[in-house]
Amino acid sequence: MKSQIEILKAVNPDIRIITELSTNKGSVSDMEKSFSMVAQYVDGVTVWQESVNDLSQVKRFLEWYNQNYRQ
């Protein structure tokens, strides 16, 4: 994945790379681990919730994200 991102950024240094997460499977901890694996390569994250019931999970992830990655 890193080499693909490097190629894209070489062609267009202003490109923004965004990763997506879903609440479909896993916990907030799983979301945190997944994002941490790609954080150094991406410029941001989009979170898709499966239902309104997942909004508390999204909120907890975003609080963690803001504390650890928001610039």
Protein backbone atom coordinates (compact mmCIF):
# COMPACT_ATOMS: atom_id res chain seq x y z
CA MET A 1 0.00 0.00 0.00
CA LYS A 2 2.77 2.44 0.86
CA SER A 3 4.25 2.25 -2.63
CA GLN A 4 0.85 2.96 -4.23
CA ILE A 5 0.41 6.05 -2.09
CA GLU A 6 3.95 7.19 -2.91
CA ILE A 7 3.17 6.83 -6.62
CA LEU A 8 -0.06 8.82 -6.29
CA LYS A 9 1.66 11.58 -4.31
CA ALA A 10 4.53 11.72 -6.82
CA VAL A 11 2.03 12.34 -9.61
CA ASN A 12 -0.02 14.79 -7.54
CA PRO A 13 1.62 16.06 -4.34
CA ASP A 14 -1.63 17.77 -3.32
CA ILE A 15 -3.72 14.58 -3.38
CA ARG A 16 -5.48 13.69 -0.14
CA ILE A 17 -5.63 10.03 0.85
CA ILE A 18 -8.60 9.09 3.04
CA THR A 19 -9.26 5.73 4.68
CA GLU A 20 -12.69 4.41 5.57
CA LEU A 21 -13.82 2.52 8.66
CA SER A 22 -17.13 0.88 9.41
CA THR A 23 -18.92 -0.09 12.60
CA ASN A 24 -20.19 -3.22 10.82
CA LYS A 25 -17.79 -5.61 12.53
CA GLY A 26 -15.62 -5.11 15.55
CA SER A 27 -15.28 -2.75 18.45
CA VAL A 28 -13.94 0.75 18.94
CA SER A 29 -10.63 -0.87 19.82
CA ASP A 30 -10.65 -2.67 16.46
CA MET A 31 -11.33 0.63 14.69
CA GLU A 32 -8.45 2.27 16.57
CA LYS A 33 -6.05 -0.54 15.67
CA SER A 34 -7.13 -0.50 12.02
CA PHE A 35 -6.63 3.25 11.71
CA SER A 36 -3.30 3.15 13.55
CA MET A 37 -1.99 0.71 10.93
CA VAL A 38 -2.49 3.24 8.12
CA ALA A 39 -2.34 6.58 9.94
CA GLN A 40 1.14 7.44 8.70
CA TYR A 41 0.03 7.04 5.07
CA VAL A 42 -3.33 8.83 5.04
CA ASP A 43 -4.61 12.35 5.50
CA GLY A 44 -7.89 11.52 7.20
CA VAL A 45 -10.66 9.04 7.91
CA THR A 46 -14.33 8.55 7.11
CA VAL A 47 -16.45 6.46 9.48
CA TRP A 48 -19.55 4.65 8.24
CA GLN A 49 -22.03 3.58 10.88
CA GLU A 50 -24.37 0.69 10.18
CA SER A 51 -27.25 2.13 12.21
CA VAL A 52 -28.19 4.90 14.60
CA ASN A 53 -27.33 2.47 17.40
CA ASP A 54 -23.68 2.71 16.36
CA LEU A 55 -23.37 6.45 16.89
CA SER A 56 -21.91 6.01 20.39
CA GLN A 57 -19.19 3.79 18.88
CA VAL A 58 -18.48 6.43 16.23
CA LYS A 59 -18.33 9.11 18.93
CA ARG A 60 -15.82 7.12 21.01
CA PHE A 61 -13.63 6.49 17.95
CA LEU A 62 -13.69 10.17 16.96
CA GLU A 63 -12.77 11.24 20.49
CA TRP A 64 -9.79 8.87 20.34
CA TYR A 65 -8.89 10.09 16.84
CA ASN A 66 -9.04 13.75 17.90
CA GLN A 67 -6.78 13.08 20.89
CA ASN A 68 -4.22 11.08 18.92
CA TYR A 69 -4.22 12.30 15.32
CA ARG A 70 -6.12 15.54 14.83
CA GLN A 71 -3.76 18.35 13.94
